[in-house]
Amino acid sequence: MSTATVPTTDVHDEAIALVREAVNAYLPVARARRGAMDTTTWTQVVNEVRDVVAATN
């Protein structure tokens, strides 16, 4: 196992890229299902995405 460290900016950039990929893949599904969600559920979905993004800052 390597003991080399990855620069923080690389880790941050990778995390942002992964979050963007996941959100971009999921949002079309969420929007398509939006009609079946009540406002509370939709708000929870959006807040969860925001929490994940905020955790990468």
PDB file of N, CA and C in Angstrom:
ATOM      1  N   MET A   1       0.841  -1.171   0.000  1.00  0.00           N
ATOM      2  CA  MET A   1       0.000   0.000   0.000  1.00  0.00           C
ATOM      3  C   MET A   1       0.889   1.238   0.000  1.00  0.00           C
ATOM      4  N   SER A   2       0.531   2.185  -0.824  1.00  0.00           N
ATOM      5  CA  SER A   2       1.304   3.414  -0.930  1.00  0.00           C
ATOM      6  C   SER A   2       1.018   4.321   0.260  1.00  0.00           C
ATOM      7  N   THR A   3       2.040   4.993   0.718  1.00  0.00           N
ATOM      8  CA  THR A   3       1.862   5.952   1.806  1.00  0.00           C
ATOM      9  C   THR A   3       1.844   7.379   1.280  1.00  0.00           C
ATOM     10  N   ALA A   4       1.898   7.525  -0.034  1.00  0.00           N
ATOM     11  CA  ALA A   4       1.865   8.856  -0.630  1.00  0.00           C
ATOM     12  C   ALA A   4       0.504   9.488  -0.360  1.00  0.00           C
ATOM     13  N   THR A   5       0.529  10.786  -0.127  1.00  0.00           N
ATOM     14  CA  THR A   5      -0.730  11.482   0.107  1.00  0.00           C
ATOM     15  C   THR A   5      -1.159  12.195  -1.161  1.00  0.00           C
ATOM     16  N   VAL A   6      -2.449  12.303  -1.321  1.00  0.00           N
ATOM     17  CA  VAL A   6      -3.011  13.013  -2.463  1.00  0.00           C
ATOM     18  C   VAL A   6      -3.237  14.451  -2.021  1.00  0.00           C
ATOM     19  N   PRO A   7      -2.790  15.420  -2.815  1.00  0.00           N
ATOM     20  CA  PRO A   7      -3.019  16.816  -2.436  1.00  0.00           C
ATOM     21  C   PRO A   7      -4.501  17.084  -2.190  1.00  0.00           C
ATOM     22  N   THR A   8      -4.783  17.910  -1.194  1.00  0.00           N
ATOM     23  CA  THR A   8      -6.161  18.204  -0.809  1.00  0.00           C
ATOM     24  C   THR A   8      -6.988  18.696  -1.984  1.00  0.00           C
ATOM     25  N   THR A   9      -6.409  19.535  -2.826  1.00  0.00           N
ATOM     26  CA  THR A   9      -7.178  20.054  -3.958  1.00  0.00           C
ATOM     27  C   THR A   9      -7.593  18.931  -4.897  1.00  0.00           C
ATOM     28  N   ASP A  10      -6.732  17.919  -5.066  1.00  0.00           N
ATOM     29  CA  ASP A  10      -7.096  16.785  -5.917  1.00  0.00           C
ATOM     30  C   ASP A  10      -8.258  16.012  -5.313  1.00  0.00           C
ATOM     31  N   VAL A  11      -8.225  15.804  -3.998  1.00  0.00           N
ATOM     32  CA  VAL A  11      -9.307  15.094  -3.316  1.00  0.00           C
ATOM     33  C   VAL A  11     -10.596  15.897  -3.431  1.00  0.00           C
ATOM     34  N   HIS A  12     -10.497  17.202  -3.211  1.00  0.00           N
ATOM     35  CA  HIS A  12     -11.675  18.069  -3.309  1.00  0.00           C
ATOM     36  C   HIS A  12     -12.242  18.035  -4.726  1.00  0.00           C
ATOM     37  N   ASP A  13     -11.377  18.189  -5.713  1.00  0.00           N
ATOM     38  CA  ASP A  13     -11.834  18.177  -7.102  1.00  0.00           C
ATOM     39  C   ASP A  13     -12.486  16.851  -7.460  1.00  0.00           C
ATOM     40  N   GLU A  14     -11.909  15.754  -6.982  1.00  0.00           N
ATOM     41  CA  GLU A  14     -12.487  14.439  -7.250  1.00  0.00           C
ATOM     42  C   GLU A  14     -13.846  14.298  -6.567  1.00  0.00           C
ATOM     43  N   ALA A  15     -13.946  14.775  -5.337  1.00  0.00           N
ATOM     44  CA  ALA A  15     -15.217  14.706  -4.612  1.00  0.00           C
ATOM     45  C   ALA A  15     -16.291  15.513  -5.326  1.00  0.00           C
ATOM     46  N   ILE A  16     -15.938  16.705  -5.760  1.00  0.00           N
ATOM     47  CA  ILE A  16     -16.895  17.545  -6.487  1.00  0.00           C
ATOM     48  C   ILE A  16     -17.343  16.854  -7.766  1.00  0.00           C
ATOM     49  N   ALA A  17     -16.408  16.277  -8.490  1.00  0.00           N
ATOM     50  CA  ALA A  17     -16.746  15.582  -9.739  1.00  0.00           C
ATOM     51  C   ALA A  17     -17.692  14.415  -9.475  1.00  0.00           C
ATOM     52  N   LEU A  18     -17.441  13.655  -8.416  1.00  0.00           N
ATOM     53  CA  LEU A  18     -18.310  12.523  -8.084  1.00  0.00           C
ATOM     54  C   LEU A  18     -19.708  12.987  -7.688  1.00  0.00           C
ATOM     55  N   VAL A  19     -19.782  14.058  -6.897  1.00  0.00           N
ATOM     56  CA  VAL A  19     -21.086  14.588  -6.491  1.00  0.00           C
ATOM     57  C   VAL A  19     -21.851  15.088  -7.707  1.00  0.00           C
ATOM     58  N   ARG A  20     -21.170  15.828  -8.574  1.00  0.00           N
ATOM     59  CA  ARG A  20     -21.840  16.332  -9.779  1.00  0.00           C
ATOM     60  C   ARG A  20     -22.355  15.187 -10.649  1.00  0.00           C
ATOM     61  N   GLU A  21     -21.534  14.157 -10.803  1.00  0.00           N
ATOM     62  CA  GLU A  21     -21.938  13.007 -11.611  1.00  0.00           C
ATOM     63  C   GLU A  21     -23.174  12.334 -11.015  1.00  0.00           C
ATOM     64  N   ALA A  22     -23.160  12.139  -9.713  1.00  0.00           N
ATOM     65  CA  ALA A  22     -24.292  11.483  -9.052  1.00  0.00           C
ATOM     66  C   ALA A  22     -25.559  12.328  -9.139  1.00  0.00           C
ATOM     67  N   VAL A  23     -25.428  13.617  -8.864  1.00  0.00           N
ATOM     68  CA  VAL A  23     -26.595  14.501  -8.906  1.00  0.00           C
ATOM     69  C   VAL A  23     -27.131  14.611 -10.328  1.00  0.00           C
ATOM     70  N   ASN A  24     -26.240  14.777 -11.291  1.00  0.00           N
ATOM     71  CA  ASN A  24     -26.683  14.873 -12.683  1.00  0.00           C
ATOM     72  C   ASN A  24     -27.372  13.603 -13.151  1.00  0.00           C
ATOM     73  N   ALA A  25     -26.937  12.456 -12.649  1.00  0.00           N
ATOM     74  CA  ALA A  25     -27.570  11.191 -13.023  1.00  0.00           C
ATOM     75  C   ALA A  25     -28.918  11.023 -12.330  1.00  0.00           C
ATOM     76  N   TYR A  26     -29.033  11.508 -11.093  1.00  0.00           N
ATOM     77  CA  TYR A  26     -30.252  11.278 -10.328  1.00  0.00           C
ATOM     78  C   TYR A  26     -31.350  12.298 -10.601  1.00  0.00           C
ATOM     79  N   LEU A  27     -31.018  13.548 -10.814  1.00  0.00           N
ATOM     80  CA  LEU A  27     -32.048  14.579 -10.933  1.00  0.00           C
ATOM     81  C   LEU A  27     -33.074  14.319 -12.027  1.00  0.00           C
ATOM     82  N   PRO A  28     -32.699  13.826 -13.200  1.00  0.00           N
ATOM     83  CA  PRO A  28     -33.747  13.529 -14.184  1.00  0.00           C
ATOM     84  C   PRO A  28     -34.756  12.498 -13.668  1.00  0.00           C
ATOM     85  N   VAL A  29     -34.277  11.525 -12.918  1.00  0.00           N
ATOM     86  CA  VAL A  29     -35.173  10.521 -12.330  1.00  0.00           C
ATOM     87  C   VAL A  29     -36.071  11.185 -11.290  1.00  0.00           C
ATOM     88  N   ALA A  30     -35.469  12.005 -10.445  1.00  0.00           N
ATOM     89  CA  ALA A  30     -36.243  12.690  -9.411  1.00  0.00           C
ATOM     90  C   ALA A  30     -37.294  13.602 -10.030  1.00  0.00           C
ATOM     91  N   ARG A  31     -36.911  14.317 -11.072  1.00  0.00           N
ATOM     92  CA  ARG A  31     -37.883  15.203 -11.730  1.00  0.00           C
ATOM     93  C   ARG A  31     -39.018  14.406 -12.354  1.00  0.00           C
ATOM     94  N   ALA A  32     -38.693  13.274 -12.953  1.00  0.00           N
ATOM     95  CA  ALA A  32     -39.724  12.434 -13.566  1.00  0.00           C
ATOM     96  C   ALA A  32     -40.686  11.899 -12.515  1.00  0.00           C
ATOM     97  N   ARG A  33     -40.170  11.650 -11.331  1.00  0.00           N
ATOM     98  CA  ARG A  33     -41.009  11.117 -10.247  1.00  0.00           C
ATOM     99  C   ARG A  33     -41.605  12.219  -9.377  1.00  0.00           C
ATOM    100  N   ARG A  34     -41.282  13.443  -9.676  1.00  0.00           N
ATOM    101  CA  ARG A  34     -41.734  14.575  -8.861  1.00  0.00           C
ATOM    102  C   ARG A  34     -43.241  14.560  -8.682  1.00  0.00           C
ATOM    103  N   GLY A  35     -43.971  14.211  -9.712  1.00  0.00           N
ATOM    104  CA  GLY A  35     -45.431  14.191  -9.631  1.00  0.00           C
ATOM    105  C   GLY A  35     -45.950  13.231  -8.583  1.00  0.00           C
ATOM    106  N   ALA A  36     -45.187  12.186  -8.304  1.00  0.00           N
ATOM    107  CA  ALA A  36     -45.608  11.190  -7.321  1.00  0.00           C
ATOM    108  C   ALA A  36     -45.157  11.552  -5.902  1.00  0.00           C
ATOM    109  N   MET A  37     -44.361  12.609  -5.779  1.00  0.00           N
ATOM    110  CA  MET A  37     -43.851  12.999  -4.461  1.00  0.00           C
ATOM    111  C   MET A  37     -44.664  14.155  -3.906  1.00  0.00           C
ATOM    112  N   ASP A  38     -44.894  14.106  -2.605  1.00  0.00           N
ATOM    113  CA  ASP A  38     -45.487  15.277  -1.976  1.00  0.00           C
ATOM    114  C   ASP A  38     -44.383  16.318  -1.766  1.00  0.00           C
ATOM    115  N   THR A  39     -44.779  17.499  -1.391  1.00  0.00           N
ATOM    116  CA  THR A  39     -43.813  18.588  -1.251  1.00  0.00           C
ATOM    117  C   THR A  39     -42.750  18.272  -0.203  1.00  0.00           C
ATOM    118  N   THR A  40     -43.145  17.635   0.880  1.00  0.00           N
ATOM    119  CA  THR A  40     -42.189  17.297   1.936  1.00  0.00           C
ATOM    120  C   THR A  40     -41.121  16.341   1.428  1.00  0.00           C
ATOM    121  N   THR A  41     -41.526  15.314   0.695  1.00  0.00           N
ATOM    122  CA  THR A  41     -40.567  14.342   0.163  1.00  0.00           C
ATOM    123  C   THR A  41     -39.626  15.008  -0.826  1.00  0.00           C
ATOM    124  N   TRP A  42     -40.159  15.819  -1.729  1.00  0.00           N
ATOM    125  CA  TRP A  42     -39.325  16.522  -2.705  1.00  0.00           C
ATOM    126  C   TRP A  42     -38.316  17.420  -1.993  1.00  0.00           C
ATOM    127  N   THR A  43     -38.771  18.129  -0.968  1.00  0.00           N
ATOM    128  CA  THR A  43     -37.887  18.999  -0.199  1.00  0.00           C
ATOM    129  C   THR A  43     -36.783  18.193   0.472  1.00  0.00           C
ATOM    130  N   GLN A  44     -37.103  17.017   0.987  1.00  0.00           N
ATOM    131  CA  GLN A  44     -36.093  16.154   1.600  1.00  0.00           C
ATOM    132  C   GLN A  44     -35.046  15.720   0.579  1.00  0.00           C
ATOM    133  N   VAL A  45     -35.485  15.391  -0.633  1.00  0.00           N
ATOM    134  CA  VAL A  45     -34.547  14.996  -1.691  1.00  0.00           C
ATOM    135  C   VAL A  45     -33.601  16.155  -2.004  1.00  0.00           C
ATOM    136  N   VAL A  46     -34.157  17.325  -2.209  1.00  0.00           N
ATOM    137  CA  VAL A  46     -33.346  18.497  -2.541  1.00  0.00           C
ATOM    138  C   VAL A  46     -32.399  18.841  -1.389  1.00  0.00           C
ATOM    139  N   ASN A  47     -32.891  18.779  -0.167  1.00  0.00           N
ATOM    140  CA  ASN A  47     -32.040  19.083   0.990  1.00  0.00           C
ATOM    141  C   ASN A  47     -30.916  18.073   1.140  1.00  0.00           C
ATOM    142  N   GLU A  48     -31.182  16.820   0.834  1.00  0.00           N
ATOM    143  CA  GLU A  48     -30.137  15.798   0.910  1.00  0.00           C
ATOM    144  C   GLU A  48     -29.020  16.106  -0.087  1.00  0.00           C
ATOM    145  N   VAL A  49     -29.398  16.499  -1.297  1.00  0.00           N
ATOM    146  CA  VAL A  49     -28.402  16.876  -2.306  1.00  0.00           C
ATOM    147  C   VAL A  49     -27.595  18.068  -1.809  1.00  0.00           C
ATOM    148  N   ARG A  50     -28.269  19.051  -1.261  1.00  0.00           N
ATOM    149  CA  ARG A  50     -27.568  20.235  -0.734  1.00  0.00           C
ATOM    150  C   ARG A  50     -26.603  19.860   0.382  1.00  0.00           C
ATOM    151  N   ASP A  51     -27.027  18.951   1.267  1.00  0.00           N
ATOM    152  CA  ASP A  51     -26.156  18.520   2.364  1.00  0.00           C
ATOM    153  C   ASP A  51     -24.891  17.854   1.840  1.00  0.00           C
ATOM    154  N   VAL A  52     -25.051  17.011   0.831  1.00  0.00           N
ATOM    155  CA  VAL A  52     -23.889  16.325   0.258  1.00  0.00           C
ATOM    156  C   VAL A  52     -22.939  17.338  -0.367  1.00  0.00           C
ATOM    157  N   VAL A  53     -23.494  18.272  -1.110  1.00  0.00           N
ATOM    158  CA  VAL A  53     -22.661  19.292  -1.751  1.00  0.00           C
ATOM    159  C   VAL A  53     -21.975  20.155  -0.693  1.00  0.00           C
ATOM    160  N   ALA A  54     -22.696  20.536   0.334  1.00  0.00           N
ATOM    161  CA  ALA A  54     -22.115  21.371   1.388  1.00  0.00           C
ATOM    162  C   ALA A  54     -20.973  20.655   2.104  1.00  0.00           C
ATOM    163  N   ALA A  55     -21.088  19.358   2.237  1.00  0.00           N
ATOM    164  CA  ALA A  55     -20.046  18.591   2.925  1.00  0.00           C
ATOM    165  C   ALA A  55     -18.744  18.544   2.132  1.00  0.00           C
ATOM    166  N   THR A  56     -18.793  18.859   0.853  1.00  0.00           N
ATOM    167  CA  THR A  56     -17.579  18.837   0.035  1.00  0.00           C
ATOM    168  C   THR A  56     -16.842  20.166   0.073  1.00  0.00           C
ATOM    169  N   ASN A  57     -17.450  21.188   0.653  1.00  0.00           N
ATOM    170  CA  ASN A  57     -16.803  22.509   0.713  1.00  0.00           C
ATOM    171  C   ASN A  57     -15.821  22.604   1.833  1.00  0.00           C
TER     172      ASN A  57
END
